[in-house]
Amino acid sequence: MRIATGRRWEGAPSPRPIPRPVRLSVAAAAAVLLLSACQDPAGVGLGLIDEEQLNPNVRTVPVTALAETADTTIAIGIAATSTSGAIQTRVLAGRVADPVFGDARAVAYVDLLQSSALDSGAEPGDVVDAWLELDRVYAYGDTTTALPLELREVQGDWEVDTSYPADTLFATGDVLSTTTIVASDTLRRFDLPDAWVTANAGLLVGDDFDDDFEGFAIDVPASFVAAPGVVFGFNTFASEGSGLRVVVDEDTLLFPLSEVFTSIATDPPTMAPAGTLGLRAGSGAAIRFDADFSSIGPTPLARARVRLPVDASLARDGAFVRPIADRSFLYGVRTVDGEETRTLLSDNVLYDGDDELTVVATGTLTSQVQSLLLDPSEAFERYEVRPVAGIASLNIYPLVLPESQPEAGPRFTLTLVGSAPE
């Protein structure tokens, strides 16, 4: 496989657009300067735990029209941090039956780089043994499942800078090795048969390995029935133990993972939870919502946050685990000259471990909301929460819909400098 460089990779986070300048009216600018001089924003209750109730300068703006929108991010990228391009830290394999968020099947594809420690004088006869080892770091589904996996060699070319559909499957050869994985496993290995090692010894130590070898596919057997099953995730980094071990003479060399891809196919849920927008990463859907700030007026702003309540009870049902998305991106969307543009407002939409997704890093979000408070023409048409590209997962977004929790539903929380105008 050719290692592509110097290009923008499909699935990589878009470059951050430069925030549009804040256009201040003379009166609004004067108000900002006067109030800022009288009161330091850093001291306006920013450390309060329950700021919405205890701080008189806090206003809330309800989130409306919370719904799903299309997400085209696919789980493809580069495992090696020394290679330019989009990093993909995890691959998934397995099958799970989940009526609440939908069934899913994941197939992992991993390509390899020849070991930098390989002696240039190595001969095919020096190759003694080989096995693929993977570091298990993630689980979605029934964690008591003993998951059978098969290893096959990929046939035909594939490149990480190709716009494959998320559920693309590549052609593969016969089963080379099998293993069974349980949730307590960390490193797990696929032993390659002697016949494969002998047949590929020349390729393993030759000059054209990186170009000519297309990697392995990891999938459940066709006979596997998910009842309910599980999808496991594996770290892609050699520093965590993942890679191909090749015994050459008396040395065991590590061939690290290079290009990786997770094919994810999902079905719609049959028992979607009432009152909840039940989305899942890897399903081709993201989150969109609106907000109307007209009730606040042209007021100087110390901080803006977004709070999205979740139904955390959906994360676990006995041994069946659905990880809640622990980090996401928040975008503002406008149409400029007939084209949609996205401004990255925060790359730290974090799950607090209890009952909300909350924006933590708020610098850009605060400045953008300040801009639209002073000039409504700066308002975004909508906001979007999207999974982080580069971390393959089936993490869930069990967001509570506004009509299901009207008193403390999804909302913006604005800490003002001084009091808002009446």
Protein backbone atom coordinates (compact mmCIF):
# COMPACT_ATOMS: atom_id res chain seq x y z
CA MET A 1 0.00 0.00 0.00
CA ARG A 2 1.22 3.49 -0.79
CA ILE A 3 1.37 5.76 2.25
CA ALA A 4 -0.28 9.00 1.19
CA THR A 5 1.23 12.22 2.51
CA GLY A 6 0.67 15.93 2.17
CA ARG A 7 -3.08 15.63 1.60
CA ARG A 8 -6.18 16.30 3.63
CA TRP A 9 -7.57 13.02 4.92
CA GLU A 10 -11.21 11.99 4.75
CA GLY A 11 -12.66 11.96 8.24
CA ALA A 12 -10.10 14.43 9.66
CA PRO A 13 -11.45 17.37 11.69
CA SER A 14 -11.91 20.39 9.44
CA PRO A 15 -9.44 23.24 9.96
CA ARG A 16 -10.81 25.77 12.40
CA PRO A 17 -12.32 28.72 10.50
CA ILE A 18 -11.15 32.10 11.72
CA PRO A 19 -13.96 33.58 13.84
CA ARG A 20 -15.82 36.34 12.08
CA PRO A 21 -15.01 39.79 13.48
CA VAL A 22 -17.35 41.30 16.03
CA ARG A 23 -19.03 44.41 14.61
CA LEU A 24 -19.92 46.76 17.45
CA SER A 25 -22.28 49.69 17.28
CA VAL A 26 -20.95 52.80 19.01
CA ALA A 27 -23.44 52.41 21.85
CA ALA A 28 -22.79 48.72 22.29
CA ALA A 29 -19.03 49.20 22.24
CA ALA A 30 -19.29 51.93 24.84
CA ALA A 31 -21.41 49.69 27.05
CA VAL A 32 -18.88 46.90 26.79
CA LEU A 33 -16.00 49.18 27.74
CA LEU A 34 -17.87 50.82 30.61
CA LEU A 35 -19.14 47.61 32.16
CA SER A 36 -15.88 45.77 31.63
CA ALA A 37 -14.00 48.53 33.40
CA CYS A 38 -16.39 48.37 36.35
CA GLN A 39 -16.39 44.63 36.77
CA ASP A 40 -13.79 41.94 36.08
CA PRO A 41 -15.45 39.05 34.14
CA ALA A 42 -13.13 36.55 35.77
CA GLY A 43 -14.82 37.19 39.10
CA VAL A 44 -18.44 36.90 38.02
CA GLY A 45 -19.27 33.63 39.73
CA LEU A 46 -17.29 31.53 37.27
CA GLY A 47 -16.41 28.97 39.92
CA LEU A 48 -19.89 28.40 41.27
CA ILE A 49 -21.10 24.81 41.10
CA ASP A 50 -24.78 25.69 40.65
CA GLU A 51 -24.25 28.96 38.81
CA GLU A 52 -27.69 29.06 37.22
CA GLN A 53 -29.40 29.32 40.62
CA LEU A 54 -26.86 31.22 42.71
CA ASN A 55 -25.54 33.85 40.31
CA PRO A 56 -27.93 36.72 39.50
CA ASN A 57 -25.89 37.55 36.39
CA VAL A 58 -26.53 34.16 34.77
CA ARG A 59 -29.16 33.81 32.05
CA THR A 60 -30.26 30.63 30.29
CA VAL A 61 -31.32 30.33 26.65
CA PRO A 62 -33.26 27.15 25.86
CA VAL A 63 -32.08 24.86 23.09
CA THR A 64 -34.81 24.20 20.54
CA ALA A 65 -35.29 21.89 17.54
CA LEU A 66 -32.97 19.22 18.96
CA ALA A 67 -32.75 16.58 16.24
CA GLU A 68 -30.37 14.41 14.25
CA THR A 69 -28.42 15.45 11.18
CA ALA A 70 -26.16 13.59 8.77
CA ASP A 71 -22.57 12.88 9.80
CA THR A 72 -20.16 11.75 7.06
CA THR A 73 -17.17 11.03 9.31
CA ILE A 74 -15.72 7.55 8.75
CA ALA A 75 -13.31 5.60 10.93
CA ILE A 76 -10.24 5.65 8.69
CA GLY A 77 -6.77 7.06 9.22
CA ILE A 78 -3.16 6.50 10.23
CA ALA A 79 -2.07 4.65 13.35
CA ALA A 80 1.56 5.84 13.33
CA THR A 81 2.01 9.29 14.85
CA SER A 82 5.18 9.83 12.80
CA THR A 83 3.15 9.77 9.56
CA SER A 84 1.32 12.85 8.30
CA GLY A 85 -2.45 12.62 8.03
CA ALA A 86 -5.44 11.93 10.24
CA ILE A 87 -4.65 9.81 13.28
CA GLN A 88 -7.02 6.91 14.01
CA THR A 89 -6.41 5.61 17.50
CA ARG A 90 -8.77 2.62 17.51
CA VAL A 91 -10.28 -0.08 15.31
CA LEU A 92 -13.46 -2.04 16.07
CA ALA A 93 -14.51 -5.62 15.38
CA GLY A 94 -17.59 -7.58 16.38
CA ARG A 95 -21.35 -7.72 16.11
CA VAL A 96 -24.01 -6.60 18.57
CA ALA A 97 -27.82 -6.77 18.71
CA ASP A 98 -29.18 -3.64 20.41
CA PRO A 99 -32.90 -2.84 20.04
CA VAL A 100 -32.52 0.51 21.85
CA PHE A 101 -29.80 2.08 19.67
CA GLY A 102 -29.74 -0.32 16.72
CA ASP A 103 -27.76 -3.42 15.75
CA ALA A 104 -24.19 -2.93 14.56
CA ARG A 105 -21.40 -4.85 12.84
CA ALA A 106 -17.78 -3.66 12.78
CA VAL A 107 -14.91 -5.04 10.70
CA ALA A 108 -11.33 -3.90 11.35
CA TYR A 109 -8.76 -3.48 8.58
CA VAL A 110 -5.13 -2.94 9.54
CA ASP A 111 -2.14 -2.41 7.29
CA LEU A 112 1.48 -2.58 8.50
CA LEU A 113 4.87 -0.96 8.10
CA GLN A 114 8.04 -2.98 7.95
CA SER A 115 10.08 -2.85 11.15
CA SER A 116 12.74 -0.16 11.19
CA ALA A 117 14.94 -2.63 13.14
CA LEU A 118 15.03 -5.15 10.29
CA ASP A 119 18.60 -5.99 9.27
CA SER A 120 19.15 -5.07 5.63
CA GLY A 121 20.93 -8.42 5.17
CA ALA A 122 17.99 -10.51 6.38
CA GLU A 123 17.09 -13.44 4.14
CA PRO A 124 13.70 -15.18 3.69
CA GLY A 125 15.13 -18.27 5.39
CA ASP A 126 15.74 -16.21 8.54
CA VAL A 127 11.98 -15.69 9.09
CA VAL A 128 10.89 -18.17 11.75
CA ASP A 129 7.45 -17.11 13.04
CA ALA A 130 4.84 -14.31 12.93
CA TRP A 131 1.70 -13.31 14.81
CA LEU A 132 -0.58 -10.27 15.00
CA GLU A 133 -1.11 -8.81 18.47
CA LEU A 134 -3.78 -6.27 19.42
CA ASP A 135 -4.40 -4.30 22.61
CA ARG A 136 -8.11 -4.42 23.57
CA VAL A 137 -9.30 -1.10 25.06
CA TYR A 138 -13.05 -0.77 24.39
CA ALA A 139 -16.33 -2.67 24.54
CA TYR A 140 -19.91 -2.00 23.46
CA GLY A 141 -22.49 -4.66 24.21
CA ASP A 142 -22.67 -7.72 26.44
CA THR A 143 -19.35 -7.83 28.25
CA THR A 144 -19.85 -11.50 29.17
CA THR A 145 -19.67 -12.47 25.48
CA ALA A 146 -16.76 -14.63 24.35
CA LEU A 147 -16.29 -13.10 20.88
CA PRO A 148 -14.80 -15.30 18.14
CA LEU A 149 -12.73 -13.41 15.56
CA GLU A 150 -11.16 -14.46 12.28
CA LEU A 151 -8.05 -13.04 10.62
CA ARG A 152 -7.89 -12.87 6.83
CA GLU A 153 -5.48 -11.18 4.43
CA VAL A 154 -6.83 -8.23 2.44
CA GLN A 155 -6.81 -8.65 -1.34
CA GLY A 156 -6.66 -5.59 -3.59
CA ASP A 157 -5.59 -2.00 -2.97
CA TRP A 158 -7.14 0.40 -0.47
CA GLU A 159 -6.04 3.90 0.57
CA VAL A 160 -6.99 6.01 3.57
CA ASP A 161 -7.51 9.15 1.49
CA THR A 162 -10.35 7.54 -0.48
CA SER A 163 -13.94 8.53 0.32
CA TYR A 164 -15.23 5.06 1.15
CA PRO A 165 -18.77 4.72 2.49
CA ALA A 166 -18.64 3.94 6.22
CA ASP A 167 -19.85 0.35 5.69
CA THR A 168 -17.35 -0.53 2.92
CA LEU A 169 -16.05 -4.11 2.97
CA PHE A 170 -12.81 -5.11 1.22
CA ALA A 171 -12.13 -8.42 -0.51
CA THR A 172 -10.22 -10.92 1.63
CA GLY A 173 -8.68 -14.37 1.36
CA ASP A 174 -9.21 -17.50 3.42
CA VAL A 175 -9.16 -17.56 7.22
CA LEU A 176 -5.54 -17.53 8.44
CA SER A 177 -6.07 -17.57 12.19
CA THR A 178 -8.79 -17.40 14.82
CA THR A 179 -9.00 -16.29 18.42
CA THR A 180 -11.69 -15.71 21.05
CA ILE A 181 -11.74 -12.48 23.06
CA VAL A 182 -13.44 -11.66 26.35
CA ALA A 183 -13.74 -8.34 28.15
CA SER A 184 -10.98 -9.22 30.63
CA ASP A 185 -8.41 -9.63 27.83
CA THR A 186 -5.85 -6.95 27.14
CA LEU A 187 -3.30 -8.09 24.54
CA ARG A 188 -4.68 -10.78 22.22
CA ARG A 189 -2.82 -12.54 19.41
CA PHE A 190 -3.57 -14.21 16.10
CA ASP A 191 -0.93 -16.88 15.38
CA LEU A 192 -0.15 -17.04 11.66
CA PRO A 193 0.25 -20.55 10.19
CA ASP A 194 3.69 -21.83 9.20
CA ALA A 195 2.58 -22.10 5.57
CA TRP A 196 1.73 -18.39 5.46
CA VAL A 197 5.00 -17.42 7.16
CA THR A 198 7.02 -19.47 4.66
CA ALA A 199 5.07 -18.18 1.65
CA ASN A 200 5.46 -14.54 2.74
CA ALA A 201 8.98 -14.62 4.20
CA GLY A 202 10.47 -12.92 1.16
CA LEU A 203 7.85 -10.17 1.29
CA LEU A 204 8.34 -9.62 5.03
CA VAL A 205 12.10 -8.95 4.67
CA GLY A 206 12.01 -7.49 1.17
CA ASP A 207 12.19 -3.87 0.03
CA ASP A 208 8.59 -3.70 -1.22
CA PHE A 209 6.67 -4.79 1.87
CA ASP A 210 5.15 -1.36 2.61
CA ASP A 211 3.85 -1.03 -0.97
CA ASP A 212 2.84 -4.61 -1.73
CA PHE A 213 1.30 -5.88 1.50
CA GLU A 214 -2.32 -4.75 1.99
CA GLY A 215 -2.87 -5.86 5.57
CA PHE A 216 -5.40 -7.96 7.46
CA ALA A 217 -9.14 -7.95 8.09
CA ILE A 218 -10.55 -8.87 11.52
CA ASP A 219 -14.19 -9.98 11.60
CA VAL A 220 -16.58 -12.35 13.33
CA PRO A 221 -17.30 -15.68 11.59
CA ALA A 222 -20.30 -15.72 9.28
CA SER A 223 -21.93 -18.22 11.63
CA PHE A 224 -21.73 -15.93 14.68
CA VAL A 225 -25.12 -14.94 16.07
CA ALA A 226 -25.22 -11.78 18.19
CA ALA A 227 -27.42 -12.65 21.14
CA PRO A 228 -26.80 -9.90 22.09
CA GLY A 229 -23.07 -9.99 21.20
CA VAL A 230 -20.40 -7.33 21.59
CA VAL A 231 -18.11 -5.04 19.60
CA PHE A 232 -14.56 -4.74 20.94
CA GLY A 233 -12.12 -1.91 20.21
CA PHE A 234 -8.36 -2.25 19.81
CA ASN A 235 -5.65 0.38 20.25
CA THR A 236 -3.71 1.04 17.05
CA PHE A 237 -0.42 2.25 18.54
CA ALA A 238 2.73 0.14 18.73
CA SER A 239 3.56 1.84 22.03
CA GLU A 240 0.47 0.12 23.48
CA GLY A 241 1.46 -3.30 22.10
CA SER A 242 -0.50 -3.53 18.85
CA GLY A 243 1.33 -4.74 15.74
CA LEU A 244 2.73 -7.73 13.85
CA ARG A 245 5.54 -9.63 15.57
CA VAL A 246 7.96 -11.28 13.15
CA VAL A 247 10.74 -13.55 14.42
CA VAL A 248 13.80 -13.07 12.20
CA ASP A 249 16.68 -15.33 13.16
CA GLU A 250 16.81 -14.78 16.95
CA ASP A 251 15.15 -11.34 17.02
CA THR A 252 11.43 -10.59 17.42
CA LEU A 253 10.69 -7.47 15.39
CA LEU A 254 7.62 -5.26 15.65
CA PHE A 255 5.89 -4.26 12.40
CA PRO A 256 3.65 -1.38 13.56
CA LEU A 257 0.14 -0.72 12.27
CA SER A 258 0.00 2.01 9.65
CA GLU A 259 -3.23 2.66 7.74
CA VAL A 260 -6.37 1.46 9.50
CA PHE A 261 -10.09 1.43 8.73
CA THR A 262 -13.19 0.31 10.62
CA SER A 263 -16.17 -0.60 8.47
CA ILE A 264 -19.33 0.08 10.50
CA ALA A 265 -22.80 -1.05 9.41
CA THR A 266 -25.80 -0.21 11.59
CA ASP A 267 -29.55 -0.82 11.64
CA PRO A 268 -32.22 1.54 13.04
CA PRO A 269 -33.38 0.81 16.61
CA THR A 270 -36.63 -1.06 17.14
CA MET A 271 -37.22 0.20 20.72
CA ALA A 272 -36.00 3.81 20.69
CA PRO A 273 -36.32 5.37 24.17
CA ALA A 274 -39.20 7.80 24.62
CA GLY A 275 -38.28 11.42 25.35
CA THR A 276 -34.68 10.91 24.27
CA LEU A 277 -32.75 11.64 21.10
CA GLY A 278 -30.95 8.30 21.06
CA LEU A 279 -28.07 8.68 18.62
CA ARG A 280 -24.86 6.70 18.41
CA ALA A 281 -21.43 7.43 16.93
CA GLY A 282 -20.69 5.41 13.81
CA SER A 283 -24.35 5.45 12.72
CA GLY A 284 -23.98 8.28 10.18
CA ALA A 285 -25.87 10.74 12.40
CA ALA A 286 -24.88 13.76 14.45
CA ILE A 287 -26.86 16.25 16.59
CA ARG A 288 -28.27 19.61 15.58
CA PHE A 289 -30.14 22.26 17.56
CA ASP A 290 -31.15 25.92 17.52
CA ALA A 291 -31.19 28.75 20.06
CA ASP A 292 -32.76 32.23 20.10
CA PHE A 293 -30.68 34.84 21.96
CA SER A 294 -32.93 37.84 21.21
CA SER A 295 -34.19 38.00 24.83
CA ILE A 296 -30.67 38.76 26.14
CA GLY A 297 -29.87 41.84 24.10
CA PRO A 298 -26.51 43.60 23.46
CA THR A 299 -24.92 42.71 26.79
CA PRO A 300 -21.19 42.11 27.52
CA LEU A 301 -20.54 38.44 28.18
CA ALA A 302 -18.10 36.78 30.58
CA ARG A 303 -18.74 33.18 29.61
CA ALA A 304 -20.99 30.98 27.48
CA ARG A 305 -21.59 27.31 28.05
CA VAL A 306 -23.86 24.65 26.58
CA ARG A 307 -25.54 22.05 28.77
CA LEU A 308 -27.17 18.99 27.20
CA PRO A 309 -28.83 16.65 29.73
CA VAL A 310 -28.51 12.92 29.07
CA ASP A 311 -30.40 9.86 30.26
CA ALA A 312 -27.45 8.07 31.86
CA SER A 313 -29.64 5.07 32.75
CA LEU A 314 -29.31 3.93 29.13
CA ALA A 315 -25.55 3.44 29.49
CA ARG A 316 -25.79 0.07 31.23
CA ASP A 317 -28.28 -2.76 31.50
CA GLY A 318 -26.63 -5.44 33.63
CA ALA A 319 -23.63 -6.74 31.69
CA PHE A 320 -24.71 -4.83 28.56
CA VAL A 321 -22.66 -1.64 28.31
CA ARG A 322 -23.18 1.39 26.06
CA PRO A 323 -20.43 3.98 26.66
CA ILE A 324 -21.73 7.56 26.63
CA ALA A 325 -19.72 9.80 24.28
CA ASP A 326 -17.08 11.29 26.57
CA ARG A 327 -15.85 13.97 24.14
CA SER A 328 -17.36 15.65 21.08
CA PHE A 329 -17.02 18.75 18.91
CA LEU A 330 -19.44 21.70 18.87
CA TYR A 331 -19.88 23.65 15.62
CA GLY A 332 -21.86 26.72 14.59
CA VAL A 333 -23.29 26.56 11.07
CA ARG A 334 -23.95 29.50 8.72
CA THR A 335 -24.66 29.76 5.00
CA VAL A 336 -22.17 32.07 3.26
CA ASP A 337 -22.52 32.76 -0.47
CA GLY A 338 -24.83 29.79 -0.82
CA GLU A 339 -22.51 27.33 0.95
CA GLU A 340 -22.69 26.00 4.50
CA THR A 341 -19.69 26.85 6.65
CA ARG A 342 -18.90 25.36 10.06
CA THR A 343 -17.06 27.20 12.80
CA LEU A 344 -15.52 24.99 15.49
CA LEU A 345 -16.79 26.49 18.75
CA SER A 346 -15.37 23.87 21.11
CA ASP A 347 -13.41 20.64 20.84
CA ASN A 348 -14.24 19.80 24.46
CA VAL A 349 -17.89 18.89 24.75
CA LEU A 350 -17.41 16.49 27.65
CA TYR A 351 -19.63 14.06 29.51
CA ASP A 352 -19.55 14.97 33.20
CA GLY A 353 -20.07 11.37 34.34
CA ASP A 354 -23.45 12.18 35.79
CA ASP A 355 -26.26 13.75 33.78
CA GLU A 356 -24.96 16.23 31.17
CA LEU A 357 -22.75 16.85 28.19
CA THR A 358 -21.13 20.22 28.86
CA VAL A 359 -18.86 22.53 26.88
CA VAL A 360 -15.68 22.94 28.91
CA ALA A 361 -13.28 24.95 26.72
CA THR A 362 -15.38 28.04 26.04
CA GLY A 363 -13.09 30.74 24.60
CA THR A 364 -14.28 30.58 21.00
CA LEU A 365 -17.88 29.83 21.97
CA THR A 366 -17.95 32.84 24.31
CA SER A 367 -16.56 35.23 21.69
CA GLN A 368 -18.97 33.98 19.03
CA VAL A 369 -22.01 34.30 21.30
CA GLN A 370 -20.80 37.77 22.32
CA SER A 371 -20.67 38.66 18.65
CA LEU A 372 -24.28 37.67 17.98
CA LEU A 373 -25.52 39.38 21.16
CA LEU A 374 -24.06 42.65 19.88
CA ASP A 375 -25.06 42.06 16.26
CA PRO A 376 -27.90 39.57 15.58
CA SER A 377 -26.79 39.27 11.95
CA GLU A 378 -23.86 37.23 13.31
CA ALA A 379 -26.20 34.51 14.57
CA PHE A 380 -25.66 30.92 13.50
CA GLU A 381 -28.44 29.15 11.63
CA ARG A 382 -27.94 26.12 13.86
CA TYR A 383 -25.46 24.32 16.10
CA GLU A 384 -24.11 20.80 15.70
CA VAL A 385 -22.48 18.27 18.04
CA ARG A 386 -20.37 15.73 16.15
CA PRO A 387 -18.22 12.77 17.26
CA VAL A 388 -14.47 13.29 17.36
CA ALA A 389 -12.87 12.06 14.14
CA GLY A 390 -9.99 9.68 14.81
CA ILE A 391 -11.55 7.64 17.62
CA ALA A 392 -13.69 4.83 16.21
CA SER A 393 -16.54 4.02 18.57
CA LEU A 394 -20.22 3.20 18.95
CA ASN A 395 -20.60 5.66 21.85
CA ILE A 396 -24.14 6.83 22.52
CA TYR A 397 -25.73 10.29 22.77
CA PRO A 398 -28.84 9.69 24.94
CA LEU A 399 -29.87 13.37 24.92
CA VAL A 400 -33.02 14.38 26.75
CA LEU A 401 -35.40 16.23 24.41
CA PRO A 402 -36.43 19.79 25.41
CA GLU A 403 -40.11 18.88 25.80
CA SER A 404 -39.21 16.01 28.15
CA GLN A 405 -37.40 18.22 30.67
CA PRO A 406 -38.74 21.79 30.30
CA GLU A 407 -37.43 23.10 33.63
CA ALA A 408 -33.76 22.17 33.13
CA GLY A 409 -33.56 20.91 29.58
CA PRO A 410 -30.85 21.47 26.96
CA ARG A 411 -29.72 25.08 27.17
CA PHE A 412 -27.06 27.73 26.80
CA THR A 413 -25.86 29.19 30.11
CA LEU A 414 -24.61 32.79 29.78
CA THR A 415 -22.69 34.54 32.55
CA LEU A 416 -23.07 38.26 31.91
CA VAL A 417 -20.89 41.20 32.94
CA GLY A 418 -23.36 43.24 34.96
CA SER A 419 -27.10 42.75 34.60
CA ALA A 420 -28.91 42.12 31.37
CA PRO A 421 -31.09 44.98 30.13
CA GLU A 422 -34.75 44.72 31.11
